[in-house]
Amino acid sequence: MKLLVDFFPILLFFLAYKFFGIYWATGVAIAAAGLQVGYVRLRWRRWDKLQLMTLFLITVLGGATLFFHEEIFIKWKPTLINWLFAAVFLGSQYVGKAPIIQRLMKQQISLPAEIWRRLNLSWVVFFLLSGLANLYVVYHFDTNTWVNFKLFGLMGLTIIFIILQAFYLARHLRHES
């Protein structure tokens, strides 16, 4: 269910773009992100910080896209989100007792501290490269290609990265008897 809620604004953006163009899609994405934040607040009685940051960025960048009638602002959103994640993951190694990836996954798996640090740094690199990949597509391809890359390319890269990490983690899991 959470995956569907997280995927909701991206899917609506994609569909609105295909039928109505980038400016309608931008407005739909802003509204969908607002609905997403509201739904999570009502359903689980909490504010999801990631969704709030995304709502803020899509409102500012999407608003600039609509106000200036210039699509470059919305095209920068995936890069800024990815780079924000990279900064959070990197900073988490120096703030708190454990890297953020360890805080998120420690209930599911047990790993040595060095493996947690490597895993966390791999996410930093992944987010930095994803942001750069988005900018490459923004500045070298048309909007239609970028929209397809935003939905299928970035998601595909994420899935491949997670699969590769699963293989890496499988080598380092502590087997408890």
N, C-alpha and C. Protein backbone atom coordinates (compact mmCIF):
# COMPACT_ATOMS: atom_id res chain seq x y z
N MET A 1 0.82 -1.19 0.00
CA MET A 1 0.00 0.00 0.00
C MET A 1 0.86 1.26 0.00
N LYS A 2 1.92 1.26 0.83
CA LYS A 2 2.79 2.44 0.89
C LYS A 2 3.44 2.69 -0.45
N LEU A 3 3.84 1.63 -1.16
CA LEU A 3 4.46 1.79 -2.47
C LEU A 3 3.49 2.49 -3.43
N LEU A 4 2.22 2.11 -3.39
CA LEU A 4 1.22 2.73 -4.24
C LEU A 4 1.06 4.21 -3.89
N VAL A 5 1.03 4.52 -2.61
CA VAL A 5 0.91 5.91 -2.16
C VAL A 5 2.13 6.71 -2.61
N ASP A 6 3.32 6.12 -2.50
CA ASP A 6 4.55 6.81 -2.91
C ASP A 6 4.61 7.01 -4.43
N PHE A 7 4.07 6.07 -5.17
CA PHE A 7 4.13 6.08 -6.63
C PHE A 7 3.03 6.96 -7.25
N PHE A 8 2.00 7.27 -6.49
CA PHE A 8 0.82 7.99 -6.95
C PHE A 8 1.14 9.29 -7.71
N PRO A 9 1.89 10.24 -7.15
CA PRO A 9 2.15 11.49 -7.88
C PRO A 9 2.94 11.29 -9.17
N ILE A 10 3.88 10.35 -9.16
CA ILE A 10 4.69 10.10 -10.36
C ILE A 10 3.81 9.55 -11.48
N LEU A 11 2.96 8.60 -11.13
CA LEU A 11 2.06 8.00 -12.12
C LEU A 11 1.08 9.04 -12.68
N LEU A 12 0.50 9.85 -11.81
CA LEU A 12 -0.42 10.88 -12.29
C LEU A 12 0.30 11.91 -13.15
N PHE A 13 1.52 12.28 -12.79
CA PHE A 13 2.31 13.19 -13.61
C PHE A 13 2.49 12.61 -15.01
N PHE A 14 2.89 11.35 -15.07
CA PHE A 14 3.13 10.67 -16.34
C PHE A 14 1.85 10.66 -17.19
N LEU A 15 0.75 10.25 -16.60
CA LEU A 15 -0.51 10.17 -17.35
C LEU A 15 -0.98 11.55 -17.81
N ALA A 16 -0.90 12.54 -16.94
CA ALA A 16 -1.31 13.90 -17.31
C ALA A 16 -0.42 14.43 -18.43
N TYR A 17 0.86 14.14 -18.37
CA TYR A 17 1.76 14.59 -19.44
C TYR A 17 1.36 13.96 -20.78
N LYS A 18 1.10 12.66 -20.77
CA LYS A 18 0.78 11.97 -22.02
C LYS A 18 -0.50 12.50 -22.66
N PHE A 19 -1.46 12.94 -21.84
CA PHE A 19 -2.74 13.40 -22.37
C PHE A 19 -2.84 14.92 -22.54
N PHE A 20 -2.15 15.68 -21.68
CA PHE A 20 -2.37 17.12 -21.66
C PHE A 20 -1.11 17.98 -21.74
N GLY A 21 0.08 17.40 -21.62
CA GLY A 21 1.31 18.18 -21.73
C GLY A 21 1.96 18.46 -20.38
N ILE A 22 3.12 19.07 -20.47
CA ILE A 22 3.97 19.25 -19.29
C ILE A 22 3.38 20.20 -18.25
N TYR A 23 2.67 21.23 -18.67
CA TYR A 23 2.17 22.20 -17.70
C TYR A 23 0.99 21.64 -16.91
N TRP A 24 0.10 20.94 -17.58
CA TRP A 24 -0.97 20.26 -16.86
C TRP A 24 -0.40 19.20 -15.94
N ALA A 25 0.58 18.46 -16.45
CA ALA A 25 1.20 17.40 -15.64
C ALA A 25 1.84 17.99 -14.38
N THR A 26 2.43 19.15 -14.52
CA THR A 26 3.06 19.80 -13.37
C THR A 26 2.01 20.17 -12.32
N GLY A 27 0.91 20.75 -12.77
CA GLY A 27 -0.17 21.09 -11.84
C GLY A 27 -0.75 19.85 -11.16
N VAL A 28 -0.93 18.81 -11.93
CA VAL A 28 -1.45 17.54 -11.39
C VAL A 28 -0.47 16.98 -10.36
N ALA A 29 0.83 17.05 -10.65
CA ALA A 29 1.83 16.52 -9.72
C ALA A 29 1.83 17.29 -8.40
N ILE A 30 1.68 18.61 -8.47
CA ILE A 30 1.61 19.41 -7.25
C ILE A 30 0.40 19.00 -6.42
N ALA A 31 -0.75 18.90 -7.08
CA ALA A 31 -1.98 18.51 -6.38
C ALA A 31 -1.86 17.09 -5.81
N ALA A 32 -1.31 16.17 -6.61
CA ALA A 32 -1.18 14.77 -6.16
C ALA A 32 -0.24 14.67 -4.97
N ALA A 33 0.85 15.44 -4.98
CA ALA A 33 1.78 15.42 -3.84
C ALA A 33 1.10 15.95 -2.58
N GLY A 34 0.28 16.99 -2.74
CA GLY A 34 -0.48 17.51 -1.60
C GLY A 34 -1.47 16.49 -1.07
N LEU A 35 -2.16 15.80 -1.97
CA LEU A 35 -3.09 14.75 -1.56
C LEU A 35 -2.36 13.60 -0.88
N GLN A 36 -1.20 13.26 -1.39
CA GLN A 36 -0.39 12.19 -0.82
C GLN A 36 -0.02 12.52 0.63
N VAL A 37 0.47 13.71 0.86
CA VAL A 37 0.85 14.13 2.21
C VAL A 37 -0.37 14.12 3.13
N GLY A 38 -1.49 14.65 2.63
CA GLY A 38 -2.72 14.67 3.43
C GLY A 38 -3.23 13.27 3.75
N TYR A 39 -3.17 12.38 2.77
CA TYR A 39 -3.62 11.00 2.99
C TYR A 39 -2.79 10.32 4.06
N VAL A 40 -1.48 10.44 3.96
CA VAL A 40 -0.60 9.80 4.95
C VAL A 40 -0.87 10.38 6.33
N ARG A 41 -1.09 11.68 6.41
CA ARG A 41 -1.37 12.31 7.71
C ARG A 41 -2.68 11.77 8.29
N LEU A 42 -3.71 11.67 7.48
CA LEU A 42 -5.00 11.17 7.97
C LEU A 42 -4.96 9.67 8.27
N ARG A 43 -4.32 8.90 7.42
CA ARG A 43 -4.32 7.44 7.55
C ARG A 43 -3.45 6.95 8.70
N TRP A 44 -2.22 7.49 8.79
CA TRP A 44 -1.27 6.98 9.77
C TRP A 44 -0.95 7.99 10.89
N ARG A 45 -1.62 9.12 10.88
CA ARG A 45 -1.46 10.13 11.93
C ARG A 45 -0.02 10.59 12.13
N ARG A 46 0.67 10.76 11.02
CA ARG A 46 2.05 11.24 11.09
C ARG A 46 2.37 12.02 9.82
N TRP A 47 3.42 12.83 9.93
CA TRP A 47 3.93 13.54 8.76
C TRP A 47 5.13 12.77 8.24
N ASP A 48 5.13 12.42 6.98
CA ASP A 48 6.26 11.76 6.37
C ASP A 48 7.22 12.85 5.88
N LYS A 49 8.40 12.93 6.49
CA LYS A 49 9.35 14.01 6.19
C LYS A 49 9.78 14.01 4.72
N LEU A 50 9.99 12.83 4.17
CA LEU A 50 10.37 12.73 2.76
C LEU A 50 9.28 13.30 1.86
N GLN A 51 8.04 12.95 2.15
CA GLN A 51 6.94 13.46 1.34
C GLN A 51 6.78 14.97 1.51
N LEU A 52 7.01 15.47 2.71
CA LEU A 52 6.94 16.92 2.93
C LEU A 52 8.03 17.65 2.14
N MET A 53 9.25 17.09 2.13
CA MET A 53 10.33 17.70 1.35
C MET A 53 10.01 17.67 -0.14
N THR A 54 9.46 16.54 -0.59
CA THR A 54 9.09 16.42 -2.00
C THR A 54 7.98 17.40 -2.34
N LEU A 55 6.99 17.51 -1.46
CA LEU A 55 5.90 18.47 -1.69
C LEU A 55 6.44 19.89 -1.78
N PHE A 56 7.36 20.23 -0.88
CA PHE A 56 7.96 21.57 -0.91
C PHE A 56 8.66 21.81 -2.25
N LEU A 57 9.52 20.86 -2.65
CA LEU A 57 10.26 21.05 -3.90
C LEU A 57 9.35 21.08 -5.12
N ILE A 58 8.36 20.19 -5.16
CA ILE A 58 7.49 20.18 -6.34
C ILE A 58 6.61 21.44 -6.37
N THR A 59 6.25 21.95 -5.21
CA THR A 59 5.46 23.18 -5.17
C THR A 59 6.29 24.37 -5.65
N VAL A 60 7.51 24.47 -5.16
CA VAL A 60 8.38 25.59 -5.56
C VAL A 60 8.77 25.47 -7.03
N LEU A 61 9.32 24.32 -7.41
CA LEU A 61 9.79 24.16 -8.79
C LEU A 61 8.63 24.05 -9.78
N GLY A 62 7.58 23.34 -9.39
CA GLY A 62 6.40 23.27 -10.24
C GLY A 62 5.72 24.62 -10.37
N GLY A 63 5.66 25.34 -9.25
CA GLY A 63 5.10 26.69 -9.28
C GLY A 63 5.89 27.60 -10.21
N ALA A 64 7.21 27.51 -10.15
CA ALA A 64 8.05 28.30 -11.05
C ALA A 64 7.83 27.89 -12.51
N THR A 65 7.67 26.58 -12.73
CA THR A 65 7.39 26.09 -14.08
C THR A 65 6.11 26.70 -14.62
N LEU A 66 5.07 26.71 -13.80
CA LEU A 66 3.78 27.25 -14.24
C LEU A 66 3.81 28.77 -14.35
N PHE A 67 4.41 29.43 -13.38
CA PHE A 67 4.44 30.90 -13.36
C PHE A 67 5.24 31.45 -14.54
N PHE A 68 6.43 30.91 -14.77
CA PHE A 68 7.29 31.40 -15.85
C PHE A 68 7.03 30.70 -17.17
N HIS A 69 6.17 29.69 -17.15
CA HIS A 69 5.88 28.87 -18.33
C HIS A 69 7.19 28.35 -18.93
N GLU A 70 8.02 27.82 -18.03
CA GLU A 70 9.35 27.31 -18.41
C GLU A 70 9.54 25.95 -17.73
N GLU A 71 9.62 24.89 -18.53
CA GLU A 71 9.63 23.53 -18.00
C GLU A 71 10.93 23.11 -17.33
N ILE A 72 11.99 23.87 -17.47
CA ILE A 72 13.27 23.45 -16.89
C ILE A 72 13.19 23.31 -15.37
N PHE A 73 12.37 24.10 -14.73
CA PHE A 73 12.28 24.04 -13.26
C PHE A 73 11.80 22.66 -12.78
N ILE A 74 10.74 22.15 -13.40
CA ILE A 74 10.21 20.85 -12.97
C ILE A 74 11.18 19.73 -13.34
N LYS A 75 11.93 19.92 -14.40
CA LYS A 75 12.89 18.90 -14.82
C LYS A 75 14.05 18.77 -13.83
N TRP A 76 14.32 19.82 -13.08
CA TRP A 76 15.39 19.78 -12.09
C TRP A 76 14.97 19.08 -10.80
N LYS A 77 13.67 18.89 -10.58
CA LYS A 77 13.20 18.31 -9.32
C LYS A 77 13.81 16.94 -9.00
N PRO A 78 13.83 15.98 -9.93
CA PRO A 78 14.43 14.68 -9.58
C PRO A 78 15.91 14.79 -9.17
N THR A 79 16.63 15.69 -9.83
CA THR A 79 18.03 15.88 -9.47
C THR A 79 18.16 16.43 -8.06
N LEU A 80 17.39 17.46 -7.75
CA LEU A 80 17.48 18.05 -6.42
C LEU A 80 17.05 17.08 -5.33
N ILE A 81 16.01 16.29 -5.59
CA ILE A 81 15.58 15.27 -4.62
C ILE A 81 16.70 14.25 -4.40
N ASN A 82 17.27 13.75 -5.49
CA ASN A 82 18.35 12.77 -5.37
C ASN A 82 19.55 13.35 -4.64
N TRP A 83 19.91 14.58 -4.94
CA TRP A 83 21.06 15.18 -4.27
C TRP A 83 20.76 15.48 -2.80
N LEU A 84 19.52 15.80 -2.49
CA LEU A 84 19.12 15.97 -1.09
C LEU A 84 19.27 14.65 -0.34
N PHE A 85 18.80 13.56 -0.95
CA PHE A 85 18.98 12.23 -0.35
C PHE A 85 20.46 11.93 -0.14
N ALA A 86 21.28 12.22 -1.15
CA ALA A 86 22.72 11.96 -1.02
C ALA A 86 23.29 12.72 0.17
N ALA A 87 22.88 13.97 0.32
CA ALA A 87 23.37 14.78 1.45
C ALA A 87 22.91 14.21 2.78
N VAL A 88 21.65 13.77 2.85
CA VAL A 88 21.12 13.19 4.10
C VAL A 88 21.86 11.90 4.43
N PHE A 89 22.04 11.03 3.45
CA PHE A 89 22.75 9.78 3.70
C PHE A 89 24.19 10.03 4.11
N LEU A 90 24.86 10.96 3.43
CA LEU A 90 26.24 11.27 3.77
C LEU A 90 26.32 11.88 5.17
N GLY A 91 25.46 12.85 5.45
CA GLY A 91 25.46 13.49 6.75
C GLY A 91 25.14 12.55 7.89
N SER A 92 24.35 11.52 7.60
CA SER A 92 23.94 10.57 8.65
C SER A 92 25.13 9.79 9.21
N GLN A 93 26.21 9.74 8.47
CA GLN A 93 27.39 9.04 8.96
C GLN A 93 28.10 9.83 10.05
N TYR A 94 27.80 11.12 10.12
CA TYR A 94 28.48 11.99 11.07
C TYR A 94 27.54 12.52 12.15
N VAL A 95 26.25 12.32 11.97
CA VAL A 95 25.25 12.78 12.94
C VAL A 95 24.48 11.56 13.43
N GLY A 96 24.46 11.37 14.70
CA GLY A 96 23.77 10.21 15.26
C GLY A 96 24.72 9.04 15.46
N LYS A 97 24.15 7.95 15.91
CA LYS A 97 24.97 6.78 16.26
C LYS A 97 25.21 5.83 15.10
N ALA A 98 24.43 5.95 14.03
CA ALA A 98 24.55 5.01 12.92
C ALA A 98 24.14 5.69 11.62
N PRO A 99 24.68 5.21 10.49
CA PRO A 99 24.24 5.74 9.19
C PRO A 99 22.74 5.50 9.01
N ILE A 100 22.11 6.33 8.21
CA ILE A 100 20.66 6.25 8.06
C ILE A 100 20.20 4.91 7.51
N ILE A 101 20.99 4.31 6.62
CA ILE A 101 20.59 3.01 6.07
C ILE A 101 20.51 1.96 7.17
N GLN A 102 21.41 2.05 8.14
CA GLN A 102 21.38 1.12 9.27
C GLN A 102 20.15 1.38 10.13
N ARG A 103 19.83 2.63 10.36
CA ARG A 103 18.65 2.97 11.15
C ARG A 103 17.38 2.46 10.48
N LEU A 104 17.37 2.50 9.15
CA LEU A 104 16.19 2.05 8.41
C LEU A 104 16.06 0.53 8.34
N MET A 105 17.19 -0.17 8.33
CA MET A 105 17.16 -1.61 8.05
C MET A 105 17.61 -2.49 9.20
N LYS A 106 18.03 -1.92 10.30
CA LYS A 106 18.62 -2.75 11.37
C LYS A 106 17.66 -3.76 11.96
N GLN A 107 16.37 -3.53 11.86
CA GLN A 107 15.40 -4.50 12.37
C GLN A 107 15.33 -5.74 11.48
N GLN A 108 15.64 -5.57 10.20
CA GLN A 108 15.53 -6.68 9.25
C GLN A 108 16.81 -7.49 9.14
N ILE A 109 17.97 -6.82 9.22
CA ILE A 109 19.24 -7.54 9.05
C ILE A 109 20.29 -7.01 10.01
N SER A 110 21.26 -7.86 10.28
CA SER A 110 22.38 -7.51 11.15
C SER A 110 23.66 -7.56 10.33
N LEU A 111 24.41 -6.47 10.35
CA LEU A 111 25.64 -6.37 9.57
C LEU A 111 26.74 -5.73 10.42
N PRO A 112 28.00 -5.99 10.09
CA PRO A 112 29.09 -5.27 10.76
C PRO A 112 29.03 -3.78 10.43
N ALA A 113 29.57 -2.97 11.32
CA ALA A 113 29.53 -1.51 11.15
C ALA A 113 30.14 -1.05 9.83
N GLU A 114 31.24 -1.68 9.43
CA GLU A 114 31.90 -1.28 8.19
C GLU A 114 31.01 -1.54 6.97
N ILE A 115 30.27 -2.61 6.98
CA ILE A 115 29.36 -2.93 5.87
C ILE A 115 28.23 -1.90 5.82
N TRP A 116 27.71 -1.52 6.98
CA TRP A 116 26.68 -0.47 7.01
C TRP A 116 27.22 0.82 6.40
N ARG A 117 28.46 1.18 6.73
CA ARG A 117 29.05 2.41 6.18
C ARG A 117 29.19 2.30 4.66
N ARG A 118 29.66 1.17 4.18
CA ARG A 118 29.79 0.97 2.72
C ARG A 118 28.43 1.05 2.03
N LEU A 119 27.46 0.40 2.64
CA LEU A 119 26.11 0.39 2.09
C LEU A 119 25.57 1.82 2.02
N ASN A 120 25.74 2.56 3.08
CA ASN A 120 25.29 3.94 3.14
C ASN A 120 25.99 4.79 2.06
N LEU A 121 27.31 4.63 1.94
CA LEU A 121 28.06 5.38 0.93
C LEU A 121 27.66 4.98 -0.49
N SER A 122 27.30 3.72 -0.68
CA SER A 122 26.85 3.30 -2.01
C SER A 122 25.55 4.02 -2.39
N TRP A 123 24.69 4.25 -1.39
CA TRP A 123 23.46 5.01 -1.66
C TRP A 123 23.79 6.47 -1.97
N VAL A 124 24.79 7.03 -1.30
CA VAL A 124 25.21 8.41 -1.60
C VAL A 124 25.63 8.49 -3.06
N VAL A 125 26.49 7.58 -3.48
CA VAL A 125 26.97 7.57 -4.87
C VAL A 125 25.80 7.35 -5.83
N PHE A 126 24.92 6.43 -5.50
CA PHE A 126 23.77 6.17 -6.37
C PHE A 126 22.92 7.43 -6.54
N PHE A 127 22.63 8.11 -5.45
CA PHE A 127 21.80 9.32 -5.54
C PHE A 127 22.50 10.42 -6.33
N LEU A 128 23.80 10.58 -6.13
CA LEU A 128 24.54 11.58 -6.90
C LEU A 128 24.50 11.26 -8.39
N LEU A 129 24.74 10.00 -8.73
CA LEU A 129 24.74 9.60 -10.14
C LEU A 129 23.34 9.68 -10.76
N SER A 130 22.33 9.34 -9.99
CA SER A 130 20.95 9.46 -10.50
C SER A 130 20.61 10.91 -10.82
N GLY A 131 21.04 11.81 -9.95
CA GLY A 131 20.82 13.24 -10.21
C GLY A 131 21.53 13.69 -11.47
N LEU A 132 22.77 13.24 -11.64
CA LEU A 132 23.52 13.58 -12.85
C LEU A 132 22.88 12.98 -14.09
N ALA A 133 22.41 11.74 -14.00
CA ALA A 133 21.75 11.09 -15.14
C ALA A 133 20.51 11.89 -15.54
N ASN A 134 19.75 12.35 -14.55
CA ASN A 134 18.57 13.15 -14.86
C ASN A 134 18.98 14.42 -15.62
N LEU A 135 20.03 15.10 -15.15
CA LEU A 135 20.46 16.33 -15.83
C LEU A 135 20.95 16.04 -17.25
N TYR A 136 21.62 14.91 -17.43
CA TYR A 136 22.06 14.55 -18.77
C TYR A 136 20.86 14.43 -19.71
N VAL A 137 19.83 13.74 -19.26
CA VAL A 137 18.64 13.56 -20.09
C VAL A 137 17.93 14.91 -20.30
N VAL A 138 17.86 15.73 -19.25
CA VAL A 138 17.22 17.05 -19.36
C VAL A 138 17.86 17.88 -20.47
N TYR A 139 19.19 17.91 -20.50
CA TYR A 139 19.89 18.81 -21.41
C TYR A 139 20.27 18.19 -22.76
N HIS A 140 20.05 16.89 -22.94
CA HIS A 140 20.41 16.27 -24.20
C HIS A 140 19.24 15.65 -24.96
N PHE A 141 18.06 15.63 -24.37
CA PHE A 141 16.91 15.01 -25.01
C PHE A 141 15.68 15.90 -24.87
N ASP A 142 14.64 15.56 -25.61
CA ASP A 142 13.40 16.34 -25.55
C ASP A 142 12.60 16.00 -24.28
N THR A 143 11.54 16.76 -24.05
CA THR A 143 10.73 16.60 -22.85
C THR A 143 10.08 15.22 -22.79
N ASN A 144 9.60 14.72 -23.91
CA ASN A 144 8.97 13.40 -23.92
C ASN A 144 9.94 12.32 -23.44
N THR A 145 11.16 12.36 -23.92
CA THR A 145 12.18 11.41 -23.49
C THR A 145 12.45 11.57 -22.00
N TRP A 146 12.53 12.82 -21.53
CA TRP A 146 12.78 13.05 -20.11
C TRP A 146 11.65 12.47 -19.25
N VAL A 147 10.40 12.68 -19.64
CA VAL A 147 9.27 12.16 -18.86
C VAL A 147 9.34 10.63 -18.80
N ASN A 148 9.64 10.00 -19.91
CA ASN A 148 9.79 8.53 -19.92
C ASN A 148 10.97 8.10 -19.04
N PHE A 149 12.08 8.84 -19.11
CA PHE A 149 13.23 8.51 -18.28
C PHE A 149 12.89 8.70 -16.80
N LYS A 150 12.18 9.76 -16.48
CA LYS A 150 11.81 10.04 -15.09
C LYS A 150 11.02 8.88 -14.50
N LEU A 151 10.09 8.33 -15.28
CA LEU A 151 9.27 7.23 -14.77
C LEU A 151 10.00 5.89 -14.89
N PHE A 152 10.42 5.54 -16.08
CA PHE A 152 10.96 4.20 -16.31
C PHE A 152 12.47 4.11 -16.07
N GLY A 153 13.21 5.11 -16.49
CA GLY A 153 14.66 5.07 -16.35
C GLY A 153 15.13 5.14 -14.92
N LEU A 154 14.67 6.16 -14.20
CA LEU A 154 15.10 6.30 -12.81
C LEU A 154 14.60 5.15 -11.94
N MET A 155 13.37 4.71 -12.21
CA MET A 155 12.85 3.58 -11.44
C MET A 155 13.62 2.31 -11.78
N GLY A 156 13.92 2.11 -13.05
CA GLY A 156 14.69 0.95 -13.47
C GLY A 156 16.08 0.94 -12.85
N LEU A 157 16.73 2.09 -12.85
CA LEU A 157 18.05 2.19 -12.23
C LEU A 157 17.98 1.86 -10.74
N THR A 158 16.95 2.34 -10.08
CA THR A 158 16.78 2.07 -8.65
C THR A 158 16.58 0.58 -8.40
N ILE A 159 15.75 -0.05 -9.19
CA ILE A 159 15.50 -1.50 -9.03
C ILE A 159 16.79 -2.29 -9.26
N ILE A 160 17.52 -1.95 -10.30
CA ILE A 160 18.79 -2.64 -10.57
C ILE A 160 19.76 -2.43 -9.41
N PHE A 161 19.84 -1.22 -8.90
CA PHE A 161 20.74 -0.93 -7.78
C PHE A 161 20.35 -1.74 -6.53
N ILE A 162 19.07 -1.84 -6.26
CA ILE A 162 18.60 -2.60 -5.09
C ILE A 162 18.93 -4.09 -5.27
N ILE A 163 18.76 -4.61 -6.46
CA ILE A 163 19.09 -6.02 -6.72
C ILE A 163 20.59 -6.26 -6.52
N LEU A 164 21.41 -5.36 -7.05
CA LEU A 164 22.85 -5.50 -6.86
C LEU A 164 23.23 -5.43 -5.38
N GLN A 165 22.56 -4.56 -4.65
CA GLN A 165 22.82 -4.47 -3.21
C GLN A 165 22.40 -5.73 -2.48
N ALA A 166 21.33 -6.35 -2.92
CA ALA A 166 20.89 -7.60 -2.29
C ALA A 166 21.96 -8.67 -2.44
N PHE A 167 22.58 -8.75 -3.62
CA PHE A 167 23.67 -9.71 -3.80
C PHE A 167 24.85 -9.37 -2.90
N TYR A 168 25.18 -8.10 -2.80
CA TYR A 168 26.27 -7.67 -1.93
C TYR A 168 25.96 -8.01 -0.47
N LEU A 169 24.74 -7.71 -0.04
CA LEU A 169 24.35 -7.96 1.35
C LEU A 169 24.34 -9.46 1.67
N ALA A 170 23.93 -10.26 0.73
CA ALA A 170 23.86 -11.70 0.96
C ALA A 170 25.22 -12.27 1.36
N ARG A 171 26.27 -11.68 0.86
CA ARG A 171 27.63 -12.14 1.21
C ARG A 171 28.01 -11.77 2.63
N HIS A 172 27.36 -10.75 3.21
CA HIS A 172 27.80 -10.21 4.49
C HIS A 172 26.83 -10.44 5.64
N LEU A 173 25.73 -11.07 5.38
CA LEU A 173 24.77 -11.28 6.46
C LEU A 173 25.34 -12.20 7.53
N ARG A 174 25.08 -11.85 8.77
CA ARG A 174 25.48 -12.70 9.89
C ARG A 174 24.43 -13.76 10.06
N HIS A 175 24.84 -15.00 10.03
CA HIS A 175 23.90 -16.10 10.22
C HIS A 175 23.83 -16.43 11.71
N GLU A 176 22.64 -16.26 12.26
CA GLU A 176 22.45 -16.54 13.69
C GLU A 176 21.85 -17.92 13.86
N SER A 177 22.42 -18.72 14.79
CA SER A 177 21.92 -20.08 14.96
C SER A 177 21.02 -20.18 16.17
